[in-house]
C-alpha atoms as a PDB file:
ATOM      1  CA  MET A   1      -7.290   2.389  20.671  1.00  0.00           C
ATOM      2  CA  LYS A   2      -5.044   3.952  18.081  1.00  0.00           C
ATOM      3  CA  SER A   3      -3.921   2.401  14.914  1.00  0.00           C
ATOM      4  CA  LYS A   4      -0.481   1.041  14.535  1.00  0.00           C
ATOM      5  CA  PRO A   5       1.636   3.568  12.255  1.00  0.00           C
ATOM      6  CA  GLY A   6       1.786   1.193   9.335  1.00  0.00           C
ATOM      7  CA  ASN A   7      -2.272   0.857   9.275  1.00  0.00           C
ATOM      8  CA  LYS A   8      -2.504   4.796   9.627  1.00  0.00           C
ATOM      9  CA  ARG A   9      -0.091   5.089   6.570  1.00  0.00           C
ATOM     10  CA  LEU A  10      -2.039   2.552   4.444  1.00  0.00           C
ATOM     11  CA  LYS A  11      -5.101   4.841   5.193  1.00  0.00           C
ATOM     12  CA  LYS A  12      -3.419   8.080   4.032  1.00  0.00           C
ATOM     13  CA  LEU A  13      -1.898   6.514   0.838  1.00  0.00           C
ATOM     14  CA  MET A  14      -5.179   5.257   0.073  1.00  0.00           C
ATOM     15  CA  LYS A  15      -6.537   8.418   0.432  1.00  0.00           C
ATOM     16  CA  LYS A  16      -3.900  10.328  -1.502  1.00  0.00           C
ATOM     17  CA  HIS A  17      -4.009   8.147  -4.465  1.00  0.00           C
ATOM     18  CA  ARG A  18      -7.812   7.318  -4.503  1.00  0.00           C
ATOM     19  CA  LEU A  19      -7.240   3.492  -4.014  1.00  0.00           C
ATOM     20  CA  LYS A  20      -9.934   1.036  -3.444  1.00  0.00           C
ATOM     21  CA  MET A  21      -9.339  -1.982  -1.159  1.00  0.00           C
ATOM     22  CA  LYS A  22      -9.654  -3.971  -4.274  1.00  0.00           C
ATOM     23  CA  ASP A  23      -6.678  -1.989  -5.777  1.00  0.00           C
ATOM     24  CA  VAL A  24      -4.553  -2.458  -2.679  1.00  0.00           C
ATOM     25  CA  ALA A  25      -5.403  -6.285  -2.801  1.00  0.00           C
ATOM     26  CA  GLU A  26      -4.661  -6.639  -6.156  1.00  0.00           C
ATOM     27  CA  ARG A  27      -1.290  -4.500  -5.917  1.00  0.00           C
ATOM     28  CA  LEU A  28       0.004  -6.877  -2.884  1.00  0.00           C
ATOM     29  CA  HIS A  29      -1.268 -10.111  -4.084  1.00  0.00           C
ATOM     30  CA  VAL A  30      -3.758 -10.433  -1.120  1.00  0.00           C
ATOM     31  CA  VAL A  31      -7.538 -10.999  -0.576  1.00  0.00           C
ATOM     32  CA  LYS A  32      -9.500  -7.733  -0.090  1.00  0.00           C
ATOM     33  CA  GLU A  33     -10.618  -8.812   3.549  1.00  0.00           C
ATOM     34  CA  THR A  34      -6.730  -8.763   4.187  1.00  0.00           C
ATOM     35  CA  VAL A  35      -6.789  -5.167   3.418  1.00  0.00           C
ATOM     36  CA  LYS A  36     -10.047  -4.598   5.270  1.00  0.00           C
ATOM     37  CA  SER A  37      -8.648  -5.970   8.274  1.00  0.00           C
ATOM     38  CA  TRP A  38      -5.480  -3.781   8.282  1.00  0.00           C
ATOM     39  CA  ARG A  39      -7.970  -1.020   7.952  1.00  0.00           C
ATOM     40  CA  ARG A  40      -9.955  -1.755  10.942  1.00  0.00           C
ATOM     41  CA  ARG A  41      -9.409  -0.240  14.382  1.00  0.00           C
ATOM     42  CA  GLU A  42      -6.850  -1.694  16.499  1.00  0.00           C
ATOM     43  CA  GLY A  43      -8.909  -3.766  19.234  1.00  0.00           C
ATOM     44  CA  SER A  44     -11.803  -4.310  16.814  1.00  0.00           C
ATOM     45  CA  SER A  45     -12.692  -7.910  16.033  1.00  0.00           C
ATOM     46  CA  GLY A  46     -10.558  -8.841  12.816  1.00  0.00           C
ATOM     47  CA  TYR A  47      -8.088  -6.114  13.160  1.00  0.00           C
ATOM     48  CA  ARG A  48      -4.637  -7.109  11.937  1.00  0.00           C
ATOM     49  CA  ASN A  49      -1.299  -5.117  11.740  1.00  0.00           C
ATOM     50  CA  MET A  50      -0.166  -4.136   8.208  1.00  0.00           C
ATOM     51  CA  PRO A  51       3.444  -5.805   7.844  1.00  0.00           C
ATOM     52  CA  GLN A  52       5.775  -3.037   7.027  1.00  0.00           C
ATOM     53  CA  ALA A  53       7.116  -4.555   3.931  1.00  0.00           C
ATOM     54  CA  TYR A  54       3.832  -4.606   2.316  1.00  0.00           C
ATOM     55  CA  LEU A  55       3.400  -0.860   3.304  1.00  0.00           C
ATOM     56  CA  ASP A  56       7.090  -0.426   1.693  1.00  0.00           C
ATOM     57  CA  LEU A  57       6.109  -1.820  -1.457  1.00  0.00           C
ATOM     58  CA  LEU A  58       2.838   0.251  -2.015  1.00  0.00           C
ATOM     59  CA  LYS A  59       5.126   3.245  -1.342  1.00  0.00           C
ATOM     60  CA  ILE A  60       7.446   2.668  -3.975  1.00  0.00           C
ATOM     61  CA  TYR A  61       4.987   1.678  -6.358  1.00  0.00           C
ATOM     62  CA  TYR A  62       3.211   4.956  -5.898  1.00  0.00           C
ATOM     63  CA  GLY A  63       6.476   6.620  -5.722  1.00  0.00           C
ATOM     64  CA  GLU A  64       6.257   7.599  -1.931  1.00  0.00           C
ATOM     65  CA  SER A  65       9.668   6.330  -0.897  1.00  0.00           C
ATOM     66  CA  PRO A  66      12.612   8.580  -1.454  1.00  0.00           C
ATOM     67  CA  GLU A  67      15.098   5.382  -1.343  1.00  0.00           C
ATOM     68  CA  TYR A  68      13.611   4.160  -4.410  1.00  0.00           C
ATOM     69  CA  LYS A  69      12.447   5.595  -7.715  1.00  0.00           C
ATOM     70  CA  PRO A  70       9.825   3.999  -9.968  1.00  0.00           C
ATOM     71  CA  VAL A  71      11.809   1.560 -12.508  1.00  0.00           C
ATOM     72  CA  THR A  72      12.148   2.791 -15.954  1.00  0.00           C
ATOM     73  CA  ARG A  73      14.048   1.368 -18.731  1.00  0.00           C
ATOM     74  CA  ARG A  74      14.949   3.084 -22.326  1.00  0.00           C
ATOM     75  CA  THR A  75      14.377   1.491 -25.594  1.00  0.00           C
ATOM     76  CA  LYS A  76      15.717   2.954 -28.871  1.00  0.00           C
ATOM     77  CA  ASN A  77      12.524   5.073 -29.262  1.00  0.00           C
ATOM     78  CA  ARG A  78      10.578   5.063 -26.023  1.00  0.00           C
ATOM     79  CA  THR A  79      10.672   4.697 -22.185  1.00  0.00           C
ATOM     80  CA  ILE A  80       8.774   1.981 -20.672  1.00  0.00           C
ATOM     81  CA  ASN A  81       7.571   1.795 -17.027  1.00  0.00           C
END
């Protein structure tokens, strides 16, 4: 069985940015086991679809979303991310 698109995109994003499950879990404020369930093959025990909103948040954070750019603000002498 094939993984859902969000789950496949999560795997690609993690590979591209060399992210560990712990990194994704911390960024999305979920437990590591949740990320693990998103990475499992569809039909396997414990598999869950990754909600699109979580994938969108990761894409925005890592600059993968064309609709949104990382937020920066300027102070007098420097730029803060």
